[in-house]
Amino acid sequence: AMAYQQDFLESEQRAQEYRKKQALLKKKFALYIDDLNAAISDEEMVSSLEKMTKLVLEQQDMPSGYTKESFMKIVGLKKKAMLGKGLWGTPVDVAYKTLVMKITLVQSPNRMEAVY
């Protein structure tokens, strides 16, 4: 019975660490989204999108609580606003499409190996 209790405690601890890590990742991703929404130049946009891409690849997923669809809605609004100002050039579009592609890859159910 002791061994079982030990296992239980260890798995509880792991679950807690996982939740803590997810909360931090979620916060980080939220900050990147804030940066993206505050961006006033294409360079700033590219920088935010690249940071998000890096996070998604490191974690091999999006932080819990985010879906690709909800994220694309957020970016879609920003894109519309940027286009209205004559911004959102090719580098931004490429950075955005790269991010969406990486999210799709890491979330694909038949994926066996890590995506880089």
N, C-alpha and C. Protein backbone atom coordinates (compact mmCIF):
# COMPACT_ATOMS: atom_id res chain seq x y z
N ALA A 1 0.84 -1.21 0.00
CA ALA A 1 0.00 0.00 0.00
C ALA A 1 0.87 1.26 0.00
N MET A 2 2.02 1.16 0.67
CA MET A 2 2.93 2.32 0.70
C MET A 2 3.40 2.69 -0.70
N ALA A 3 3.77 1.68 -1.47
CA ALA A 3 4.27 1.91 -2.83
C ALA A 3 3.20 2.61 -3.67
N TYR A 4 1.97 2.15 -3.50
CA TYR A 4 0.87 2.75 -4.26
C TYR A 4 0.74 4.23 -3.90
N GLN A 5 0.81 4.50 -2.59
CA GLN A 5 0.68 5.88 -2.12
C GLN A 5 1.81 6.75 -2.69
N GLN A 6 3.01 6.18 -2.71
CA GLN A 6 4.17 6.87 -3.25
C GLN A 6 3.95 7.21 -4.73
N ASP A 7 3.46 6.23 -5.48
CA ASP A 7 3.17 6.44 -6.90
C ASP A 7 2.13 7.54 -7.07
N PHE A 8 1.12 7.47 -6.24
CA PHE A 8 0.04 8.46 -6.32
C PHE A 8 0.59 9.86 -6.07
N LEU A 9 1.41 9.99 -5.04
CA LEU A 9 1.99 11.28 -4.71
C LEU A 9 2.88 11.80 -5.84
N GLU A 10 3.66 10.87 -6.42
CA GLU A 10 4.53 11.26 -7.53
C GLU A 10 3.73 11.72 -8.75
N SER A 11 2.66 10.99 -9.05
CA SER A 11 1.87 11.39 -10.21
C SER A 11 1.12 12.69 -9.93
N GLU A 12 0.72 12.89 -8.68
CA GLU A 12 0.09 14.16 -8.30
C GLU A 12 1.07 15.32 -8.47
N GLN A 13 2.30 15.07 -8.05
CA GLN A 13 3.34 16.08 -8.15
C GLN A 13 3.61 16.41 -9.62
N ARG A 14 3.67 15.36 -10.44
CA ARG A 14 3.90 15.56 -11.88
C ARG A 14 2.76 16.37 -12.49
N ALA A 15 1.53 16.02 -12.08
CA ALA A 15 0.36 16.72 -12.60
C ALA A 15 0.40 18.19 -12.21
N GLN A 16 0.82 18.44 -10.98
CA GLN A 16 0.92 19.80 -10.48
C GLN A 16 1.99 20.59 -11.25
N GLU A 17 3.13 19.94 -11.49
CA GLU A 17 4.21 20.58 -12.24
C GLU A 17 3.75 20.88 -13.66
N TYR A 18 3.02 19.94 -14.24
CA TYR A 18 2.49 20.12 -15.59
C TYR A 18 1.55 21.32 -15.64
N ARG A 19 0.65 21.40 -14.66
CA ARG A 19 -0.30 22.52 -14.61
C ARG A 19 0.41 23.84 -14.45
N LYS A 20 1.45 23.84 -13.60
CA LYS A 20 2.23 25.05 -13.36
C LYS A 20 2.92 25.49 -14.66
N LYS A 21 3.50 24.51 -15.34
CA LYS A 21 4.20 24.77 -16.59
C LYS A 21 3.23 25.31 -17.64
N GLN A 22 2.06 24.67 -17.74
CA GLN A 22 1.05 25.11 -18.70
C GLN A 22 0.58 26.54 -18.41
N ALA A 23 0.43 26.86 -17.12
CA ALA A 23 0.00 28.21 -16.74
C ALA A 23 1.04 29.24 -17.17
N LEU A 24 2.32 28.89 -16.99
CA LEU A 24 3.40 29.79 -17.41
C LEU A 24 3.43 29.96 -18.93
N LEU A 25 3.26 28.86 -19.63
CA LEU A 25 3.26 28.90 -21.10
C LEU A 25 2.09 29.73 -21.62
N LYS A 26 0.95 29.56 -20.96
CA LYS A 26 -0.26 30.28 -21.34
C LYS A 26 -0.03 31.78 -21.17
N LYS A 27 0.62 32.14 -20.04
CA LYS A 27 0.92 33.53 -19.74
C LYS A 27 1.88 34.11 -20.80
N LYS A 28 2.89 33.31 -21.12
CA LYS A 28 3.89 33.72 -22.11
C LYS A 28 3.22 33.95 -23.47
N PHE A 29 2.38 33.01 -23.86
CA PHE A 29 1.69 33.10 -25.15
C PHE A 29 0.75 34.31 -25.17
N ALA A 30 0.09 34.54 -24.04
CA ALA A 30 -0.81 35.70 -23.93
C ALA A 30 -0.04 37.00 -24.09
N LEU A 31 1.18 37.04 -23.53
CA LEU A 31 2.03 38.24 -23.68
C LEU A 31 2.43 38.43 -25.15
N TYR A 32 2.73 37.33 -25.83
CA TYR A 32 3.08 37.41 -27.25
C TYR A 32 1.89 37.94 -28.06
N ILE A 33 0.70 37.50 -27.69
CA ILE A 33 -0.50 37.99 -28.38
C ILE A 33 -0.70 39.48 -28.10
N ASP A 34 -0.45 39.88 -26.86
CA ASP A 34 -0.53 41.32 -26.53
C ASP A 34 0.47 42.11 -27.37
N ASP A 35 1.69 41.59 -27.47
CA ASP A 35 2.73 42.24 -28.29
C ASP A 35 2.27 42.36 -29.73
N LEU A 36 1.69 41.29 -30.22
CA LEU A 36 1.20 41.26 -31.60
C LEU A 36 0.13 42.32 -31.80
N ASN A 37 -0.79 42.39 -30.86
CA ASN A 37 -1.88 43.37 -30.97
C ASN A 37 -1.39 44.80 -30.81
N ALA A 38 -0.28 44.98 -30.07
CA ALA A 38 0.27 46.32 -29.85
C ALA A 38 1.24 46.72 -30.97
N ALA A 39 1.62 45.76 -31.79
CA ALA A 39 2.62 46.02 -32.84
C ALA A 39 2.13 47.11 -33.79
N ILE A 40 3.05 48.04 -34.11
CA ILE A 40 2.69 49.10 -35.04
C ILE A 40 3.55 49.05 -36.31
N SER A 41 4.43 48.06 -36.37
CA SER A 41 5.24 47.90 -37.58
C SER A 41 5.29 46.42 -37.97
N ASP A 42 5.63 46.19 -39.21
CA ASP A 42 5.75 44.81 -39.69
C ASP A 42 6.85 44.07 -38.92
N GLU A 43 7.94 44.77 -38.61
CA GLU A 43 9.06 44.16 -37.87
C GLU A 43 8.59 43.62 -36.52
N GLU A 44 7.80 44.42 -35.81
CA GLU A 44 7.28 44.00 -34.51
C GLU A 44 6.35 42.79 -34.66
N MET A 45 5.56 42.82 -35.72
CA MET A 45 4.64 41.71 -35.98
C MET A 45 5.43 40.42 -36.21
N VAL A 46 6.45 40.51 -37.08
CA VAL A 46 7.27 39.34 -37.39
C VAL A 46 7.92 38.80 -36.12
N SER A 47 8.44 39.70 -35.30
CA SER A 47 9.10 39.30 -34.05
C SER A 47 8.15 38.52 -33.15
N SER A 48 6.93 39.02 -32.95
CA SER A 48 5.93 38.34 -32.12
C SER A 48 5.57 36.97 -32.69
N LEU A 49 5.35 36.92 -33.98
CA LEU A 49 4.96 35.66 -34.63
C LEU A 49 6.07 34.63 -34.54
N GLU A 50 7.32 35.09 -34.67
CA GLU A 50 8.45 34.16 -34.58
C GLU A 50 8.62 33.62 -33.16
N LYS A 51 8.37 34.47 -32.16
CA LYS A 51 8.44 34.02 -30.76
C LYS A 51 7.39 32.94 -30.50
N MET A 52 6.19 33.15 -31.05
CA MET A 52 5.12 32.17 -30.89
C MET A 52 5.48 30.86 -31.57
N THR A 53 6.05 30.96 -32.76
CA THR A 53 6.44 29.76 -33.52
C THR A 53 7.45 28.96 -32.71
N LYS A 54 8.42 29.65 -32.12
CA LYS A 54 9.46 29.01 -31.32
C LYS A 54 8.82 28.27 -30.13
N LEU A 55 7.89 28.93 -29.46
CA LEU A 55 7.21 28.34 -28.31
C LEU A 55 6.43 27.08 -28.71
N VAL A 56 5.71 27.17 -29.82
CA VAL A 56 4.92 26.04 -30.31
C VAL A 56 5.83 24.86 -30.65
N LEU A 57 6.98 25.15 -31.26
CA LEU A 57 7.90 24.07 -31.63
C LEU A 57 8.59 23.48 -30.40
N GLU A 58 8.95 24.33 -29.45
CA GLU A 58 9.57 23.83 -28.21
C GLU A 58 8.62 22.91 -27.47
N GLN A 59 7.36 23.30 -27.40
CA GLN A 59 6.37 22.53 -26.64
C GLN A 59 5.70 21.45 -27.48
N GLN A 60 5.90 21.52 -28.79
CA GLN A 60 5.23 20.61 -29.72
C GLN A 60 3.70 20.70 -29.58
N ASP A 61 3.24 21.88 -29.22
CA ASP A 61 1.79 22.13 -29.13
C ASP A 61 1.57 23.60 -28.79
N MET A 62 0.31 24.01 -28.79
CA MET A 62 -0.03 25.33 -28.30
C MET A 62 -0.28 25.20 -26.80
N PRO A 63 -0.11 26.28 -26.04
CA PRO A 63 -0.44 26.20 -24.61
C PRO A 63 -1.90 25.81 -24.43
N SER A 64 -2.19 25.06 -23.36
CA SER A 64 -3.58 24.65 -23.13
C SER A 64 -4.46 25.89 -23.02
N GLY A 65 -5.67 25.77 -23.52
CA GLY A 65 -6.59 26.91 -23.49
C GLY A 65 -6.61 27.67 -24.81
N TYR A 66 -5.63 27.38 -25.67
CA TYR A 66 -5.62 28.02 -26.98
C TYR A 66 -5.92 26.99 -28.06
N THR A 67 -6.73 27.39 -29.03
CA THR A 67 -6.94 26.54 -30.19
C THR A 67 -6.41 27.29 -31.40
N LYS A 68 -6.10 26.56 -32.43
CA LYS A 68 -5.63 27.18 -33.66
C LYS A 68 -6.69 28.15 -34.19
N GLU A 69 -7.95 27.74 -34.11
CA GLU A 69 -9.05 28.55 -34.63
C GLU A 69 -9.19 29.88 -33.87
N SER A 70 -9.16 29.79 -32.52
CA SER A 70 -9.32 31.02 -31.73
C SER A 70 -8.14 31.97 -31.98
N PHE A 71 -6.97 31.37 -32.12
CA PHE A 71 -5.77 32.16 -32.39
C PHE A 71 -5.86 32.83 -33.76
N MET A 72 -6.33 32.10 -34.76
CA MET A 72 -6.44 32.66 -36.11
C MET A 72 -7.45 33.80 -36.17
N LYS A 73 -8.48 33.72 -35.32
CA LYS A 73 -9.47 34.80 -35.26
C LYS A 73 -8.81 36.08 -34.74
N ILE A 74 -8.01 35.93 -33.67
CA ILE A 74 -7.31 37.07 -33.07
C ILE A 74 -6.40 37.72 -34.10
N VAL A 75 -5.60 36.89 -34.78
CA VAL A 75 -4.66 37.42 -35.75
C VAL A 75 -5.38 38.01 -36.96
N GLY A 76 -6.50 37.39 -37.33
CA GLY A 76 -7.29 37.90 -38.45
C GLY A 76 -7.73 39.34 -38.25
N LEU A 77 -8.14 39.65 -37.04
CA LEU A 77 -8.56 41.03 -36.72
C LEU A 77 -7.38 41.99 -36.83
N LYS A 78 -6.24 41.55 -36.32
CA LYS A 78 -5.03 42.38 -36.37
C LYS A 78 -4.60 42.58 -37.82
N LYS A 79 -4.67 41.52 -38.59
CA LYS A 79 -4.28 41.60 -40.00
C LYS A 79 -5.12 42.64 -40.74
N LYS A 80 -6.43 42.60 -40.48
CA LYS A 80 -7.36 43.54 -41.11
C LYS A 80 -6.97 44.98 -40.77
N ALA A 81 -6.69 45.21 -39.49
CA ALA A 81 -6.29 46.55 -39.03
C ALA A 81 -4.98 46.99 -39.68
N MET A 82 -4.01 46.06 -39.75
CA MET A 82 -2.70 46.38 -40.33
C MET A 82 -2.83 46.66 -41.83
N LEU A 83 -3.60 45.83 -42.53
CA LEU A 83 -3.80 46.04 -43.97
C LEU A 83 -4.43 47.40 -44.25
N GLY A 84 -5.32 47.82 -43.34
CA GLY A 84 -5.97 49.12 -43.47
C GLY A 84 -4.97 50.27 -43.38
N LYS A 85 -3.82 50.01 -42.75
CA LYS A 85 -2.78 51.03 -42.62
C LYS A 85 -1.67 50.82 -43.65
N GLY A 86 -1.91 49.91 -44.59
CA GLY A 86 -0.90 49.63 -45.60
C GLY A 86 0.26 48.80 -45.07
N LEU A 87 0.01 48.13 -43.95
CA LEU A 87 1.03 47.27 -43.38
C LEU A 87 0.69 45.79 -43.64
N TRP A 88 1.33 44.89 -42.90
CA TRP A 88 1.20 43.45 -43.09
C TRP A 88 1.78 43.08 -44.46
N GLY A 89 3.06 43.31 -44.60
CA GLY A 89 3.76 42.95 -45.83
C GLY A 89 4.05 41.47 -45.91
N THR A 90 4.74 41.09 -46.98
CA THR A 90 5.07 39.68 -47.23
C THR A 90 5.78 39.00 -46.04
N PRO A 91 6.80 39.65 -45.42
CA PRO A 91 7.47 38.97 -44.29
C PRO A 91 6.50 38.61 -43.15
N VAL A 92 5.55 39.46 -42.88
CA VAL A 92 4.56 39.19 -41.83
C VAL A 92 3.68 38.01 -42.24
N ASP A 93 3.24 38.06 -43.49
CA ASP A 93 2.38 37.00 -43.99
C ASP A 93 3.09 35.65 -43.95
N VAL A 94 4.36 35.65 -44.33
CA VAL A 94 5.16 34.42 -44.31
C VAL A 94 5.32 33.92 -42.87
N ALA A 95 5.63 34.83 -41.94
CA ALA A 95 5.80 34.45 -40.53
C ALA A 95 4.50 33.88 -39.97
N TYR A 96 3.38 34.50 -40.34
CA TYR A 96 2.07 34.03 -39.87
C TYR A 96 1.73 32.66 -40.44
N LYS A 97 1.93 32.51 -41.75
CA LYS A 97 1.61 31.23 -42.40
C LYS A 97 2.51 30.11 -41.88
N THR A 98 3.76 30.44 -41.59
CA THR A 98 4.70 29.47 -41.02
C THR A 98 4.19 29.00 -39.66
N LEU A 99 3.77 29.95 -38.83
CA LEU A 99 3.26 29.62 -37.50
C LEU A 99 2.04 28.71 -37.60
N VAL A 100 1.09 29.07 -38.45
CA VAL A 100 -0.13 28.26 -38.60
C VAL A 100 0.22 26.86 -39.09
N MET A 101 1.18 26.78 -40.02
CA MET A 101 1.61 25.49 -40.54
C MET A 101 2.24 24.63 -39.44
N LYS A 102 3.07 25.25 -38.60
CA LYS A 102 3.72 24.51 -37.51
C LYS A 102 2.69 24.04 -36.49
N ILE A 103 1.71 24.89 -36.19
CA ILE A 103 0.64 24.50 -35.25
C ILE A 103 -0.09 23.28 -35.82
N THR A 104 -0.43 23.35 -37.11
CA THR A 104 -1.13 22.25 -37.77
C THR A 104 -0.30 20.97 -37.68
N LEU A 105 1.00 21.09 -37.94
CA LEU A 105 1.89 19.93 -37.90
C LEU A 105 1.98 19.32 -36.51
N VAL A 106 2.23 20.16 -35.50
CA VAL A 106 2.40 19.59 -34.15
C VAL A 106 1.09 19.02 -33.61
N GLN A 107 -0.02 19.49 -34.14
CA GLN A 107 -1.31 18.99 -33.64
C GLN A 107 -1.88 17.86 -34.49
N SER A 108 -1.20 17.50 -35.58
CA SER A 108 -1.77 16.46 -36.43
C SER A 108 -1.72 15.11 -35.71
N PRO A 109 -2.84 14.37 -35.72
CA PRO A 109 -2.95 13.15 -34.93
C PRO A 109 -2.02 12.02 -35.38
N ASN A 110 -1.64 12.00 -36.66
CA ASN A 110 -0.83 10.87 -37.13
C ASN A 110 0.67 11.19 -37.10
N ARG A 111 1.03 12.26 -36.41
CA ARG A 111 2.42 12.67 -36.35
C ARG A 111 3.18 11.78 -35.37
N MET A 112 4.27 11.21 -35.82
CA MET A 112 5.03 10.32 -34.96
C MET A 112 6.28 10.99 -34.40
N GLU A 113 6.97 11.72 -35.24
CA GLU A 113 8.26 12.29 -34.77
C GLU A 113 8.11 13.78 -34.49
N ALA A 114 9.08 14.31 -33.78
CA ALA A 114 9.06 15.73 -33.45
C ALA A 114 9.20 16.57 -34.72
N VAL A 115 8.56 17.72 -34.72
CA VAL A 115 8.60 18.63 -35.87
C VAL A 115 9.55 19.78 -35.55
N TYR A 116 10.44 20.09 -36.45
CA TYR A 116 11.36 21.21 -36.24
C TYR A 116 11.20 22.27 -37.30
